[in-house]
């Protein structure tokens, strides 16, 4: 079974809350989020906690990170939907095939 590691495409669903329990983002329904592990497209603290997880794994993660001059805490419920080896093209482009940059992305957008 493949696990989350460098040069793999990861599909996941998640919820993100702040330290007050306010829901900041809910990606549990709809299309899963896909990214190239190690590309830096997601929060580094979240990415490092996903290492070694396999499809079907569920985790409750929390960490704090500096945002400007403040320390901000985040709480995630994460479900790994899928893991697959990235193609050479995906590795070279730093993202899954089919995802395109959208600089006008708004709420609910599936851009990277």
N, C-alpha and C. Protein backbone atom coordinates (compact mmCIF):
# COMPACT_ATOMS: atom_id res chain seq x y z
N UNK A 1 0.85 -1.18 0.00
CA UNK A 1 0.00 0.00 0.00
C UNK A 1 0.89 1.24 0.00
N UNK A 2 0.54 2.19 -0.85
CA UNK A 2 1.30 3.44 -0.91
C UNK A 2 0.99 4.31 0.31
N UNK A 3 1.98 5.05 0.75
CA UNK A 3 1.79 5.98 1.87
C UNK A 3 2.21 7.39 1.43
N UNK A 4 1.80 8.36 2.19
CA UNK A 4 2.15 9.75 1.90
C UNK A 4 3.66 9.92 2.02
N UNK A 5 4.27 10.34 0.93
CA UNK A 5 5.71 10.57 0.89
C UNK A 5 6.06 11.44 -0.31
N UNK A 6 7.29 11.86 -0.36
CA UNK A 6 7.77 12.73 -1.44
C UNK A 6 7.51 12.10 -2.81
N UNK A 7 7.19 12.97 -3.77
CA UNK A 7 6.93 12.59 -5.15
C UNK A 7 5.69 11.71 -5.31
N UNK A 8 4.70 11.91 -4.43
CA UNK A 8 3.41 11.24 -4.53
C UNK A 8 2.31 12.30 -4.57
N UNK A 9 1.24 11.99 -5.30
CA UNK A 9 0.06 12.86 -5.33
C UNK A 9 -0.87 12.40 -4.23
N UNK A 10 -1.28 13.34 -3.40
CA UNK A 10 -2.12 13.05 -2.25
C UNK A 10 -3.50 13.67 -2.48
N UNK A 11 -4.54 12.89 -2.22
CA UNK A 11 -5.92 13.39 -2.24
C UNK A 11 -6.42 13.32 -0.81
N UNK A 12 -6.95 14.43 -0.32
CA UNK A 12 -7.45 14.41 1.05
C UNK A 12 -8.65 15.33 1.23
N UNK A 13 -9.37 15.05 2.29
CA UNK A 13 -10.49 15.88 2.73
C UNK A 13 -10.13 16.36 4.14
N UNK A 14 -10.64 17.53 4.49
CA UNK A 14 -10.31 18.04 5.82
C UNK A 14 -11.28 19.13 6.26
N UNK A 15 -11.27 19.35 7.57
CA UNK A 15 -11.86 20.55 8.14
C UNK A 15 -10.74 21.26 8.88
N UNK A 16 -10.79 22.57 8.91
CA UNK A 16 -9.80 23.37 9.63
C UNK A 16 -10.54 24.34 10.53
N UNK A 17 -10.16 24.35 11.80
CA UNK A 17 -10.74 25.26 12.78
C UNK A 17 -9.63 26.07 13.44
N UNK A 18 -10.01 27.25 13.96
CA UNK A 18 -9.03 28.04 14.70
C UNK A 18 -9.05 27.64 16.17
N UNK A 19 -8.25 28.31 16.99
CA UNK A 19 -8.14 27.94 18.40
C UNK A 19 -9.40 28.26 19.21
N UNK A 20 -10.36 28.95 18.61
CA UNK A 20 -11.64 29.22 19.26
C UNK A 20 -12.72 28.22 18.81
N UNK A 21 -12.33 27.29 17.93
CA UNK A 21 -13.27 26.30 17.42
C UNK A 21 -14.10 26.77 16.23
N UNK A 22 -13.75 27.94 15.68
CA UNK A 22 -14.47 28.48 14.53
C UNK A 22 -14.02 27.73 13.28
N UNK A 23 -14.99 27.23 12.53
CA UNK A 23 -14.69 26.52 11.29
C UNK A 23 -14.18 27.50 10.25
N UNK A 24 -12.95 27.30 9.81
CA UNK A 24 -12.33 28.17 8.81
C UNK A 24 -12.48 27.62 7.40
N UNK A 25 -12.45 26.30 7.29
CA UNK A 25 -12.56 25.68 5.98
C UNK A 25 -13.11 24.27 6.14
N UNK A 26 -14.01 23.87 5.24
CA UNK A 26 -14.59 22.54 5.27
C UNK A 26 -14.49 21.94 3.87
N UNK A 27 -13.59 20.98 3.72
CA UNK A 27 -13.39 20.31 2.43
C UNK A 27 -13.73 18.82 2.56
N UNK A 28 -14.69 18.49 3.42
CA UNK A 28 -15.08 17.09 3.61
C UNK A 28 -16.00 16.60 2.49
N UNK A 29 -16.77 17.49 1.89
CA UNK A 29 -17.64 17.08 0.79
C UNK A 29 -17.12 17.69 -0.51
N UNK A 30 -17.62 17.21 -1.61
CA UNK A 30 -17.13 17.70 -2.89
C UNK A 30 -15.83 17.02 -3.28
N UNK A 31 -15.15 17.63 -4.21
CA UNK A 31 -13.90 17.08 -4.73
C UNK A 31 -12.78 17.16 -3.68
N UNK A 32 -12.02 16.07 -3.47
CA UNK A 32 -10.91 16.14 -2.52
C UNK A 32 -9.82 17.10 -3.00
N UNK A 33 -9.05 17.61 -2.09
CA UNK A 33 -7.90 18.45 -2.40
C UNK A 33 -6.77 17.54 -2.86
N UNK A 34 -6.12 17.89 -3.96
CA UNK A 34 -4.99 17.12 -4.46
C UNK A 34 -3.75 18.00 -4.52
N UNK A 35 -2.61 17.44 -4.16
CA UNK A 35 -1.35 18.18 -4.22
C UNK A 35 -0.19 17.22 -4.31
N UNK A 36 0.93 17.73 -4.78
CA UNK A 36 2.17 16.97 -4.83
C UNK A 36 2.86 17.12 -3.48
N UNK A 37 3.02 16.00 -2.78
CA UNK A 37 3.66 16.04 -1.46
C UNK A 37 5.09 16.55 -1.60
N UNK A 38 5.43 17.53 -0.80
CA UNK A 38 6.76 18.12 -0.83
C UNK A 38 6.87 19.35 -1.70
N UNK A 39 5.77 19.74 -2.35
CA UNK A 39 5.81 20.90 -3.26
C UNK A 39 5.69 22.23 -2.54
N UNK A 40 5.28 22.20 -1.26
CA UNK A 40 5.11 23.44 -0.52
C UNK A 40 3.79 24.13 -0.77
N UNK A 41 2.82 23.42 -1.38
CA UNK A 41 1.53 24.03 -1.68
C UNK A 41 0.56 24.05 -0.49
N UNK A 42 0.89 23.35 0.58
CA UNK A 42 0.05 23.40 1.78
C UNK A 42 0.92 23.82 2.96
N UNK A 43 0.30 24.13 4.08
CA UNK A 43 1.05 24.54 5.25
C UNK A 43 2.11 23.48 5.60
N UNK A 44 3.36 23.89 5.76
CA UNK A 44 4.42 22.92 6.06
C UNK A 44 4.14 22.07 7.29
N UNK A 45 3.52 22.67 8.30
CA UNK A 45 3.21 21.93 9.52
C UNK A 45 2.18 20.84 9.25
N UNK A 46 1.22 21.13 8.39
CA UNK A 46 0.22 20.12 8.03
C UNK A 46 0.88 19.03 7.20
N UNK A 47 1.65 19.43 6.20
CA UNK A 47 2.29 18.47 5.32
C UNK A 47 3.16 17.49 6.10
N UNK A 48 3.96 17.97 7.03
CA UNK A 48 4.86 17.08 7.77
C UNK A 48 4.08 16.07 8.61
N UNK A 49 2.89 16.43 9.07
CA UNK A 49 2.07 15.52 9.87
C UNK A 49 1.39 14.44 9.04
N UNK A 50 1.34 14.62 7.73
CA UNK A 50 0.71 13.64 6.85
C UNK A 50 1.65 12.51 6.46
N UNK A 51 2.94 12.70 6.62
CA UNK A 51 3.93 11.72 6.19
C UNK A 51 3.64 10.34 6.77
N UNK A 52 3.63 9.34 5.89
CA UNK A 52 3.42 7.96 6.32
C UNK A 52 1.97 7.52 6.39
N UNK A 53 1.03 8.46 6.25
CA UNK A 53 -0.38 8.08 6.28
C UNK A 53 -0.74 7.33 5.00
N UNK A 54 -1.79 6.52 5.05
CA UNK A 54 -2.23 5.72 3.92
C UNK A 54 -3.70 6.03 3.61
N UNK A 55 -4.16 5.67 2.41
CA UNK A 55 -5.57 5.89 2.09
C UNK A 55 -6.48 5.28 3.14
N UNK A 56 -7.48 6.06 3.55
CA UNK A 56 -8.41 5.63 4.58
C UNK A 56 -8.02 6.09 5.97
N UNK A 57 -6.78 6.52 6.15
CA UNK A 57 -6.35 7.01 7.46
C UNK A 57 -7.04 8.32 7.80
N UNK A 58 -7.39 8.47 9.07
CA UNK A 58 -8.01 9.68 9.59
C UNK A 58 -7.14 10.19 10.74
N UNK A 59 -6.93 11.49 10.80
CA UNK A 59 -6.11 12.07 11.87
C UNK A 59 -6.71 13.37 12.34
N UNK A 60 -6.58 13.63 13.62
CA UNK A 60 -6.89 14.93 14.20
C UNK A 60 -5.57 15.56 14.56
N UNK A 61 -5.26 16.66 13.89
CA UNK A 61 -3.96 17.31 14.04
C UNK A 61 -4.13 18.71 14.57
N UNK A 62 -3.17 19.16 15.34
CA UNK A 62 -3.17 20.55 15.79
C UNK A 62 -1.74 21.03 15.82
N UNK A 63 -1.58 22.29 15.49
CA UNK A 63 -0.26 22.90 15.53
C UNK A 63 -0.43 24.41 15.54
N UNK A 64 0.63 25.07 15.93
CA UNK A 64 0.66 26.53 15.94
C UNK A 64 1.74 27.00 14.98
N UNK A 65 1.50 28.12 14.36
CA UNK A 65 2.46 28.67 13.42
C UNK A 65 2.44 30.19 13.54
N UNK A 66 3.54 30.82 13.19
CA UNK A 66 3.60 32.28 13.23
C UNK A 66 2.95 32.86 12.00
N UNK A 67 2.09 33.83 12.24
CA UNK A 67 1.43 34.56 11.16
C UNK A 67 1.68 36.02 11.47
N UNK A 68 2.65 36.60 10.76
CA UNK A 68 3.07 37.95 11.09
C UNK A 68 3.75 37.92 12.45
N UNK A 69 3.26 38.73 13.37
CA UNK A 69 3.85 38.76 14.72
C UNK A 69 3.02 37.96 15.73
N UNK A 70 2.04 37.22 15.25
CA UNK A 70 1.17 36.44 16.14
C UNK A 70 1.39 34.95 15.96
N UNK A 71 1.11 34.21 17.02
CA UNK A 71 1.14 32.76 16.97
C UNK A 71 -0.31 32.30 16.80
N UNK A 72 -0.59 31.56 15.74
CA UNK A 72 -1.94 31.12 15.42
C UNK A 72 -2.01 29.61 15.52
N UNK A 73 -3.07 29.09 16.15
CA UNK A 73 -3.26 27.64 16.28
C UNK A 73 -4.34 27.17 15.32
N UNK A 74 -4.11 26.01 14.73
CA UNK A 74 -5.06 25.40 13.81
C UNK A 74 -5.33 23.97 14.25
N UNK A 75 -6.56 23.53 14.02
CA UNK A 75 -6.97 22.17 14.34
C UNK A 75 -7.59 21.57 13.09
N UNK A 76 -7.08 20.43 12.66
CA UNK A 76 -7.53 19.78 11.44
C UNK A 76 -8.07 18.40 11.74
N UNK A 77 -9.14 18.04 11.06
CA UNK A 77 -9.55 16.65 10.93
C UNK A 77 -9.24 16.32 9.46
N UNK A 78 -8.41 15.32 9.24
CA UNK A 78 -7.92 15.00 7.90
C UNK A 78 -8.27 13.55 7.57
N UNK A 79 -8.76 13.33 6.35
CA UNK A 79 -9.02 12.00 5.83
C UNK A 79 -8.22 11.85 4.54
N UNK A 80 -7.31 10.89 4.50
CA UNK A 80 -6.53 10.65 3.29
C UNK A 80 -7.39 9.80 2.35
N UNK A 81 -7.75 10.37 1.21
CA UNK A 81 -8.59 9.69 0.23
C UNK A 81 -7.76 8.78 -0.67
N UNK A 82 -6.61 9.27 -1.09
CA UNK A 82 -5.81 8.48 -2.01
C UNK A 82 -4.36 8.92 -2.03
N UNK A 83 -3.51 8.00 -2.45
CA UNK A 83 -2.07 8.25 -2.60
C UNK A 83 -1.64 7.51 -3.86
N UNK A 84 -0.94 8.22 -4.73
CA UNK A 84 -0.40 7.56 -5.91
C UNK A 84 0.94 8.20 -6.26
N UNK A 85 1.76 7.43 -6.95
CA UNK A 85 3.06 7.92 -7.41
C UNK A 85 2.83 9.01 -8.44
N UNK A 86 3.53 10.12 -8.30
CA UNK A 86 3.42 11.23 -9.26
C UNK A 86 4.12 10.86 -10.56
N UNK A 87 3.59 11.38 -11.66
CA UNK A 87 4.25 11.19 -12.95
C UNK A 87 5.46 12.12 -13.04
N UNK A 88 6.33 11.87 -13.98
CA UNK A 88 7.49 12.75 -14.19
C UNK A 88 7.03 14.18 -14.49
N UNK A 89 5.96 14.30 -15.26
CA UNK A 89 5.39 15.61 -15.60
C UNK A 89 4.91 16.34 -14.34
N UNK A 90 4.21 15.62 -13.47
CA UNK A 90 3.70 16.23 -12.24
C UNK A 90 4.84 16.69 -11.34
N UNK A 91 5.89 15.89 -11.27
CA UNK A 91 7.05 16.27 -10.45
C UNK A 91 7.69 17.52 -11.03
N UNK A 92 7.85 17.55 -12.35
CA UNK A 92 8.47 18.71 -13.00
C UNK A 92 7.63 19.98 -12.84
N UNK A 93 6.29 19.83 -12.89
CA UNK A 93 5.39 20.99 -12.78
C UNK A 93 5.05 21.35 -11.34
N UNK A 94 5.33 20.45 -10.40
CA UNK A 94 5.08 20.73 -8.99
C UNK A 94 3.62 20.64 -8.58
N UNK A 95 2.78 19.98 -9.41
CA UNK A 95 1.36 19.86 -9.06
C UNK A 95 0.74 18.71 -9.86
N UNK A 96 -0.42 18.23 -9.41
CA UNK A 96 -1.10 17.16 -10.15
C UNK A 96 -1.50 17.63 -11.54
N UNK A 97 -1.49 16.72 -12.49
CA UNK A 97 -1.93 17.04 -13.85
C UNK A 97 -3.40 17.42 -13.81
N UNK A 98 -3.78 18.36 -14.65
CA UNK A 98 -5.17 18.79 -14.70
C UNK A 98 -5.47 19.99 -13.83
N UNK A 99 -4.62 20.29 -12.85
CA UNK A 99 -4.83 21.48 -12.03
C UNK A 99 -4.15 22.66 -12.69
N UNK A 100 -4.86 23.76 -12.81
CA UNK A 100 -4.31 24.95 -13.43
C UNK A 100 -4.36 26.10 -12.44
N UNK A 101 -3.38 26.94 -12.52
CA UNK A 101 -3.35 28.12 -11.65
C UNK A 101 -4.49 29.04 -12.03
N UNK A 102 -5.20 29.52 -11.03
CA UNK A 102 -6.30 30.46 -11.25
C UNK A 102 -6.11 31.61 -10.28
N UNK A 103 -5.62 32.71 -10.76
CA UNK A 103 -5.33 33.85 -9.90
C UNK A 103 -6.60 34.55 -9.41
N UNK A 104 -7.76 34.21 -10.01
CA UNK A 104 -9.03 34.80 -9.60
C UNK A 104 -9.84 33.85 -8.73
N UNK A 105 -9.18 32.90 -8.11
CA UNK A 105 -9.86 31.88 -7.33
C UNK A 105 -10.58 32.51 -6.14
N UNK A 106 -11.79 32.05 -5.91
CA UNK A 106 -12.60 32.53 -4.79
C UNK A 106 -13.03 31.39 -3.91
N UNK A 107 -13.97 31.63 -3.01
CA UNK A 107 -14.45 30.58 -2.10
C UNK A 107 -14.95 29.35 -2.86
N UNK A 108 -14.56 28.18 -2.39
CA UNK A 108 -15.01 26.95 -3.00
C UNK A 108 -14.26 26.56 -4.27
N UNK A 109 -13.26 27.33 -4.65
CA UNK A 109 -12.51 27.07 -5.87
C UNK A 109 -11.58 25.87 -5.64
N UNK A 110 -11.33 25.12 -6.71
CA UNK A 110 -10.43 23.96 -6.63
C UNK A 110 -9.10 24.25 -7.31
N UNK A 111 -8.67 25.49 -7.31
CA UNK A 111 -7.38 25.79 -7.91
C UNK A 111 -6.27 25.44 -6.92
N UNK A 112 -5.07 25.55 -7.38
CA UNK A 112 -3.94 25.24 -6.48
C UNK A 112 -3.36 26.47 -5.99
